[in-house]
Amino acid sequence: MRKRNVQILFRLTDDEAEHLYSLVRKSGRSKEAFLREMVKGYRLCEKPDPEFYKMMRELSSIGNRINQLAVKANALDYVDTPMLREEAKRWHEFQIAIRKKYLLPVKAT
C-alpha cells in the first residue's frame, strides 16, 4: 500500500511555475521531493557544482589513507597512534560538516 495517498492539485501562474522549476533544478531533487521538504519546513540548498563533488572524493581518499596509516602504525607500533587517530577523527568531522553545510536541507526558522 502507498504511504502517500493524498493528491493535491493547485494552479500557478507562468511566472510562479518558472520560479518553482528553477528552484527544483537548482536543488537537484524531483519536484515532488522538493515540495515535500518545503512543506516540512526545510530551506533547501542549491546542488553544488561538480567541482565540489570532486573535492569531496579527494577528501574521502585522504581520510581513507589516514585510516590505513593508523592501522599500519598500530600494527608496527611506530607512529603516535592516538595522535593519528585524533587527526582521522577530526578529518571525518570536517567531512560531515561540509556535507551538512552544502548538501543537507536546513530547517527553516
Protein backbone atom coordinates (compact mmCIF):
# COMPACT_ATOMS: atom_id res chain seq x y z
CA MET A 1 0.00 0.00 0.00
CA ARG A 2 1.21 3.51 -0.76
CA LYS A 3 2.40 5.74 2.04
CA ARG A 4 1.50 8.87 0.12
CA ASN A 5 -2.12 8.55 -0.91
CA VAL A 6 -3.22 12.22 -0.73
CA GLN A 7 -3.02 14.04 -4.03
CA ILE A 8 -3.03 17.84 -4.10
CA LEU A 9 -3.64 19.80 -7.27
CA PHE A 10 -3.05 23.55 -7.43
CA ARG A 11 -2.53 26.13 -10.13
CA LEU A 12 0.34 28.56 -10.65
CA THR A 13 0.91 31.48 -12.95
CA ASP A 14 3.58 31.05 -15.61
CA ASP A 15 6.00 33.15 -13.55
CA GLU A 16 5.31 31.18 -10.38
CA ALA A 17 5.75 27.89 -12.21
CA GLU A 18 9.03 29.00 -13.78
CA HIS A 19 10.30 30.11 -10.38
CA LEU A 20 9.31 26.75 -8.86
CA TYR A 21 11.00 24.81 -11.67
CA SER A 22 14.10 26.97 -11.32
CA LEU A 23 14.30 26.17 -7.60
CA VAL A 24 13.74 22.47 -8.30
CA ARG A 25 16.54 22.40 -10.91
CA LYS A 26 18.92 24.16 -8.53
CA SER A 27 18.13 21.72 -5.72
CA GLY A 28 18.83 18.64 -7.84
CA ARG A 29 15.71 16.94 -6.46
CA SER A 30 12.45 15.95 -8.09
CA LYS A 31 9.58 18.43 -7.94
CA GLU A 32 7.71 16.17 -5.53
CA ALA A 33 10.68 15.70 -3.20
CA PHE A 34 11.38 19.44 -3.28
CA LEU A 35 7.80 20.32 -2.29
CA ARG A 36 7.69 17.65 0.43
CA GLU A 37 10.82 19.07 2.06
CA MET A 38 9.46 22.62 1.81
CA VAL A 39 6.18 21.53 3.47
CA LYS A 40 8.22 20.00 6.31
CA GLY A 41 9.80 23.41 6.88
CA TYR A 42 13.23 22.88 5.31
CA ARG A 43 15.06 25.51 3.30
CA LEU A 44 16.77 23.57 0.55
CA CYS A 45 20.25 24.42 -0.63
CA GLU A 46 21.31 24.56 -4.24
CA LYS A 47 23.01 21.48 -5.58
CA PRO A 48 26.78 22.10 -5.51
CA ASP A 49 28.74 22.23 -8.73
CA PRO A 50 30.71 19.17 -9.94
CA GLU A 51 33.94 20.61 -8.53
CA PHE A 52 32.50 20.26 -5.02
CA TYR A 53 31.95 16.52 -5.52
CA LYS A 54 35.46 16.14 -6.91
CA MET A 55 36.81 17.81 -3.78
CA MET A 56 34.70 15.58 -1.55
CA ARG A 57 36.04 12.44 -3.27
CA GLU A 58 39.58 13.70 -2.74
CA LEU A 59 38.86 14.47 0.92
CA SER A 60 37.43 10.99 1.35
CA SER A 61 40.50 9.47 -0.28
CA ILE A 62 42.79 11.36 2.07
CA GLY A 63 40.74 10.27 5.05
CA ASN A 64 40.99 6.65 3.94
CA ARG A 65 44.77 6.95 3.64
CA ILE A 66 44.99 8.41 7.14
CA ASN A 67 42.98 5.48 8.45
CA GLN A 68 45.26 3.00 6.64
CA LEU A 69 48.27 4.71 8.20
CA ALA A 70 46.68 4.44 11.62
CA VAL A 71 46.11 0.71 11.18
CA LYS A 72 49.69 0.15 9.99
CA ALA A 73 51.13 2.37 12.73
CA ASN A 74 49.21 0.43 15.35
CA ALA A 75 50.45 -2.90 13.97
CA LEU A 76 54.09 -1.75 13.80
CA ASP A 77 53.92 0.37 16.94
CA TYR A 78 55.93 3.00 15.10
CA VAL A 79 53.86 6.22 14.98
CA ASP A 80 51.98 8.08 17.69
CA THR A 81 48.76 6.19 17.09
CA PRO A 82 46.49 8.25 19.39
CA MET A 83 47.54 11.43 17.60
CA LEU A 84 46.96 9.88 14.18
CA ARG A 85 43.55 8.57 15.25
CA GLU A 86 42.61 12.02 16.56
CA GLU A 87 43.55 13.55 13.21
CA ALA A 88 41.46 10.96 11.38
CA LYS A 89 38.53 11.73 13.69
CA ARG A 90 38.89 15.46 13.05
CA TRP A 91 39.03 14.77 9.33
CA HIS A 92 35.79 12.79 9.38
CA GLU A 93 34.07 15.51 11.43
CA PHE A 94 35.21 18.05 8.85
CA GLN A 95 33.78 15.93 6.06
CA ILE A 96 30.42 15.68 7.86
CA ALA A 97 30.38 19.43 8.42
CA ILE A 98 30.90 20.05 4.70
CA ARG A 99 28.05 17.69 3.84
CA LYS A 100 25.75 19.40 6.33
CA LYS A 101 26.62 22.85 5.00
CA TYR A 102 26.38 22.12 1.29
CA LEU A 103 24.15 19.09 0.80
CA LEU A 104 21.58 18.56 3.54
CA PRO A 105 18.37 20.56 3.72
CA VAL A 106 18.23 23.10 6.57
CA LYS A 107 15.20 23.51 8.82
CA ALA A 108 13.73 26.97 8.20
CA THR A 109 13.35 29.21 11.24
